[in-house]
Protein backbone atom coordinates (compact mmCIF):
# COMPACT_ATOMS: atom_id res chain seq x y z
CA MET A 1 0.00 0.00 0.00
CA ALA A 2 1.36 3.41 -0.96
CA ILE A 3 1.56 5.92 1.85
CA PRO A 4 1.36 9.55 0.73
CA LEU A 5 4.19 11.77 1.93
CA PRO A 6 3.22 14.73 4.09
CA VAL A 7 3.17 18.15 2.43
CA PHE A 8 4.57 21.02 4.47
CA ALA A 9 3.49 24.56 3.57
CA VAL A 10 6.18 27.25 3.69
CA THR A 11 5.11 30.17 5.85
CA PHE A 12 6.56 33.68 5.98
CA ASP A 13 6.30 36.29 8.71
CA SER A 14 6.83 39.49 6.67
CA THR A 15 5.53 41.06 3.44
CA LEU A 16 6.79 43.90 1.25
CA THR A 17 5.11 45.48 -1.79
CA LEU A 18 7.22 46.65 -4.73
CA ASP A 19 5.80 49.18 -7.17
CA ASN A 20 6.65 51.30 -10.20
CA LYS A 21 7.51 54.89 -9.23
CA ASN A 22 8.03 58.33 -10.75
CA PRO A 23 11.81 58.88 -10.32
CA ASP A 24 11.32 62.66 -10.08
CA THR A 25 8.90 62.58 -7.14
CA TRP A 26 9.16 58.91 -6.02
CA ALA A 27 5.38 58.74 -6.04
CA ARG A 28 3.88 55.34 -6.83
CA ILE A 29 2.40 54.83 -10.32
CA ALA A 30 -0.87 52.89 -10.59
CA ASP A 31 -0.14 51.11 -13.87
CA GLY A 32 -0.74 47.46 -13.01
CA ARG A 33 2.96 46.70 -12.48
CA LEU A 34 3.22 45.40 -8.95
CA GLY A 35 5.24 42.91 -6.93
CA THR A 36 4.84 41.15 -3.58
CA LEU A 37 7.73 39.82 -1.53
CA GLN A 38 7.03 37.38 1.30
CA TYR A 39 10.02 36.62 3.51
CA ASN A 40 11.19 35.68 6.99
CA ALA A 41 12.76 38.54 8.92
CA SER A 42 15.38 36.31 10.54
CA GLY A 43 17.04 32.98 9.86
CA ALA A 44 20.20 31.27 8.70
CA THR A 45 19.11 31.97 5.11
CA PHE A 46 16.88 34.61 3.52
CA SER A 47 13.81 32.48 2.75
CA PHE A 48 11.43 34.27 0.39
CA ASN A 49 8.80 34.04 -2.31
CA PHE A 50 8.33 36.86 -4.81
CA SER A 51 5.72 37.37 -7.51
CA ALA A 52 5.07 40.28 -9.87
CA THR A 53 2.61 41.13 -12.64
CA GLY A 54 2.64 43.55 -15.56
CA MET A 55 6.34 43.20 -16.33
CA GLU A 56 7.98 42.86 -19.76
CA ALA A 57 7.34 39.48 -21.37
CA SER A 58 10.08 36.82 -21.55
CA THR A 59 12.60 38.96 -19.68
CA SER A 60 15.11 37.97 -17.02
CA TYR A 61 14.67 39.91 -13.76
CA SER A 62 16.90 40.19 -10.70
CA LEU A 63 15.59 40.71 -7.18
CA ILE A 64 18.26 42.75 -5.39
CA TYR A 65 19.22 44.40 -2.12
CA TYR A 66 19.96 47.97 -3.24
CA ALA A 67 22.32 49.67 -0.78
CA ASN A 68 22.65 53.44 -1.16
CA PRO A 69 24.31 55.41 -2.59
CA TYR A 70 24.08 54.72 -6.32
CA PRO A 71 24.87 52.33 -7.95
CA GLY A 72 23.72 50.28 -4.96
CA ASN A 73 26.79 48.13 -4.21
CA ASN A 74 27.29 49.37 -0.65
CA PRO A 75 27.44 46.41 -0.22
CA GLY A 76 24.28 45.27 -2.07
CA ALA A 77 23.30 41.68 -2.86
CA LEU A 78 21.63 39.54 -5.51
CA ILE A 79 18.70 37.75 -3.88
CA GLY A 80 17.26 35.81 -6.82
CA VAL A 81 16.70 35.67 -10.58
CA GLY A 82 13.60 34.73 -12.56
CA THR A 83 12.23 35.05 -16.10
CA SER A 84 8.81 36.49 -16.88
CA GLY A 85 6.27 34.59 -18.91
CA ALA A 86 4.46 35.74 -22.01
CA ASP A 87 1.91 37.45 -19.73
CA GLY A 88 4.58 39.47 -17.91
CA ALA A 89 4.24 37.53 -14.66
CA VAL A 90 7.41 36.79 -12.67
CA THR A 91 7.89 34.32 -9.83
CA ILE A 92 11.14 33.98 -7.88
CA THR A 93 11.54 31.68 -4.90
CA GLY A 94 14.65 30.87 -2.92
CA SER A 95 16.57 30.74 0.32
CA PRO A 96 20.01 32.26 -0.35
CA ASN A 97 22.69 32.53 2.31
CA LEU A 98 23.38 36.26 2.19
CA ASN A 99 25.89 36.10 5.07
CA MET A 100 24.83 39.60 6.11
CA ASN A 101 22.08 41.43 7.91
CA LEU A 102 19.79 43.77 5.98
CA PRO A 103 20.68 46.57 5.97
CA THR A 104 24.41 46.32 6.56
CA PRO A 105 27.18 48.98 6.51
CA PRO A 106 28.07 51.11 4.66
CA ASP A 107 24.48 51.31 3.36
CA SER A 108 23.39 54.92 4.03
CA ASN A 109 19.78 53.77 4.44
CA MET A 110 20.79 52.77 7.96
CA LEU A 111 20.98 56.50 8.80
CA VAL A 112 18.37 58.13 6.55
CA ASP A 113 14.90 58.45 8.09
CA HIS A 114 12.44 57.06 5.50
CA SER A 115 9.39 57.64 7.71
CA VAL A 116 9.30 61.30 6.59
CA PRO A 117 8.45 62.70 3.11
CA PRO A 118 9.03 62.03 0.30
CA ASP A 119 8.96 58.36 1.37
CA SER A 120 6.66 58.40 4.46
CA TYR A 121 7.29 54.69 5.03
CA ALA A 122 6.02 52.70 7.99
CA HIS A 123 9.62 52.03 9.04
CA ALA A 124 12.33 54.66 9.36
CA PHE A 125 15.53 52.71 8.80
CA GLY A 126 16.17 49.57 6.79
CA ALA A 127 17.12 47.97 3.49
CA LYS A 128 15.69 48.65 0.02
CA ILE A 129 14.61 45.71 -2.15
CA TRP A 130 14.21 46.29 -5.92
CA LEU A 131 13.26 44.23 -8.95
CA VAL A 132 15.30 45.19 -12.02
CA PRO A 133 15.91 43.67 -15.46
CA SER A 134 18.98 41.45 -15.18
CA ALA A 135 20.49 43.29 -18.15
CA CYS A 136 20.57 46.45 -15.97
CA TYR A 137 22.43 44.77 -13.09
CA ASP A 138 25.95 43.44 -12.62
CA SER A 139 25.47 40.45 -10.33
CA ALA A 140 29.22 40.05 -9.77
CA LEU A 141 29.78 43.66 -8.67
CA LYS A 142 26.31 43.94 -7.07
CA LYS A 143 25.52 47.23 -8.79
CA ILE A 144 23.13 48.89 -11.24
CA ILE A 145 24.85 49.37 -14.61
CA THR A 146 21.92 50.86 -16.53
CA TRP A 147 19.56 53.33 -14.85
CA SER A 148 16.15 52.59 -16.38
CA PRO A 149 13.60 53.35 -13.62
CA ALA A 150 10.58 52.92 -15.91
CA ARG A 151 11.48 49.21 -16.01
CA PHE A 152 12.12 48.82 -12.26
CA LEU A 153 9.94 47.99 -9.29
CA PHE A 154 10.96 49.90 -6.15
CA GLU A 155 10.42 49.37 -2.44
CA THR A 156 7.33 50.85 -0.74
CA ASP A 157 8.95 50.38 2.66
CA VAL A 158 12.36 49.44 4.04
CA ILE A 159 12.95 46.06 5.68
CA THR A 160 15.26 44.49 8.24
CA TYR A 161 16.58 40.94 8.20
CA THR A 162 18.82 39.29 10.80
CA ASP A 163 21.16 36.57 9.54
CA THR A 164 21.30 34.26 12.56
CA ASP A 165 24.50 32.47 11.50
CA ARG A 166 26.36 35.29 9.79
CA VAL A 167 30.08 34.54 9.75
CA GLY A 168 32.26 37.50 10.67
CA GLY A 169 35.82 38.24 9.68
CA SER A 170 37.16 36.30 12.70
CA GLY A 171 35.55 33.08 11.50
CA VAL A 172 33.08 32.92 14.38
CA THR A 173 29.31 33.07 14.30
CA THR A 174 27.96 36.48 15.14
CA THR A 175 24.51 38.02 15.46
CA THR A 176 23.92 41.73 15.00
CA THR A 177 20.93 43.64 16.31
CA ILE A 178 20.05 46.81 14.41
CA THR A 179 18.96 49.70 16.61
CA GLU A 180 17.23 52.60 14.93
CA PRO A 181 19.14 55.82 15.71
CA VAL A 182 17.25 58.65 17.39
CA ALA A 183 16.67 61.65 15.13
CA THR A 184 18.50 64.70 16.51
CA ILE A 185 17.85 68.24 15.30
CA GLY A 186 20.58 70.80 15.92
CA LEU A 187 21.66 74.11 14.42
CA SER A 188 24.63 76.33 15.27
CA VAL A 189 25.46 79.88 14.14
CA SER A 190 29.02 81.07 13.49
CA PRO A 191 29.97 83.60 14.65
CA PRO A 192 27.42 83.68 17.53
CA ALA A 193 27.57 87.51 17.58
CA VAL A 194 28.68 90.22 15.16
CA ASN A 195 30.34 93.51 16.19
CA TYR A 196 29.47 96.10 13.55
CA GLY A 197 31.69 98.79 15.15
CA SER A 198 30.82 102.46 14.99
CA VAL A 199 28.41 103.30 12.19
CA ALA A 200 27.07 106.79 11.50
CA ILE A 201 23.31 107.29 11.68
CA GLY A 202 21.67 106.58 8.34
CA LEU A 203 24.59 104.57 7.01
CA CYS A 204 25.12 100.79 6.71
CA SER A 205 28.14 98.80 7.88
CA THR A 206 30.11 96.42 5.71
CA GLU A 207 28.79 92.90 5.15
CA PHE A 208 29.66 90.12 7.61
CA PRO A 209 29.34 86.40 6.69
CA ILE A 210 27.28 84.21 9.03
CA THR A 211 27.29 80.41 8.64
CA LEU A 212 24.53 78.03 9.78
CA THR A 213 25.74 74.49 10.50
CA ASN A 214 23.50 71.44 10.87
CA THR A 215 24.81 69.66 13.98
CA GLY A 216 22.06 67.01 14.01
CA ASN A 217 21.61 63.79 12.05
CA VAL A 218 18.56 64.74 9.96
CA PRO A 219 18.35 67.19 7.01
CA ILE A 220 17.35 70.80 7.69
CA LYS A 221 15.93 73.00 4.93
CA VAL A 222 16.10 76.81 5.23
CA THR A 223 12.92 78.15 3.60
CA ALA A 224 12.85 81.81 4.75
CA THR A 225 14.86 84.43 6.63
CA THR A 226 13.67 87.61 8.40
CA THR A 227 15.32 90.62 10.08
CA ALA A 228 14.03 92.76 12.95
CA GLY A 229 15.01 95.89 14.87
CA PHE A 230 16.33 99.29 13.85
CA TYR A 231 17.75 99.91 10.37
CA THR A 232 16.27 96.72 8.92
CA GLU A 233 16.86 98.24 5.50
CA CYS A 234 20.58 97.62 6.13
CA MET A 235 20.09 94.12 7.51
CA LYS A 236 19.86 92.26 4.23
CA ILE A 237 20.55 88.52 4.17
CA ASN A 238 22.24 87.82 0.84
CA SER A 239 22.87 84.11 1.30
CA VAL A 240 22.66 81.29 3.82
CA MET A 241 25.31 78.56 3.95
CA ALA A 242 24.05 75.32 5.51
CA ILE A 243 26.18 72.25 6.11
CA CYS A 244 23.82 69.32 6.47
CA GLN A 245 23.43 65.61 5.99
CA SER A 246 21.13 64.58 3.15
CA SER A 247 20.13 61.54 1.08
CA ASN A 248 19.70 61.40 -2.67
CA LYS A 249 16.00 62.08 -2.14
CA SER A 250 16.22 65.16 0.12
CA SER A 251 17.74 68.60 -0.08
CA CYS A 252 19.24 71.07 2.35
């Protein structure tokens, strides 16, 4: 008598949606091109199942960990490869040993707060997962070689993954816990005070440079300046110099 073998369903604890975006505003485009990544947020391997619809027919696609800045090999990783069918549907399933946490240094997404515009993600810090045509990606160097955003699917949130048996440089098993840094806002003025000297009534002194420095870890954007007090007609602000930290999606 034949005894049927048991069938075990693979379960995942996390889900990420990938979508087509406008590269000028990073707003999502509702054009029917959409992907869903199911994965486990921790484990010895990155177990996942990915499916997408509306892609180019009969085209090889790479699911990648894109680590900022461009071209994404900081360090970046190839997660899986699959070929679309005639209907543009893509399915990629695997369990690669990435031997790294996501994100991992020097990926700048570990420091950029994605919970604020233009992203407004549910999570502030994490890794970006993209789907790109394999022809646009160098799997050996882990980097984008052709920037063709109209053909890509981008993250709609950032993710974290803990590799539970990641091997470090010393040859021992290590586990790293990612702690989200606290956003700190700070601004300093140099010099803190300006001595204009003796100036005759009705006249203006010479110009003095004043520098604003961002001492925090989030971008600061100067949108307006005002002057107050006597002789405001002389107190003209010609320029503002700001030293600040920014990502490729924000300005200072």
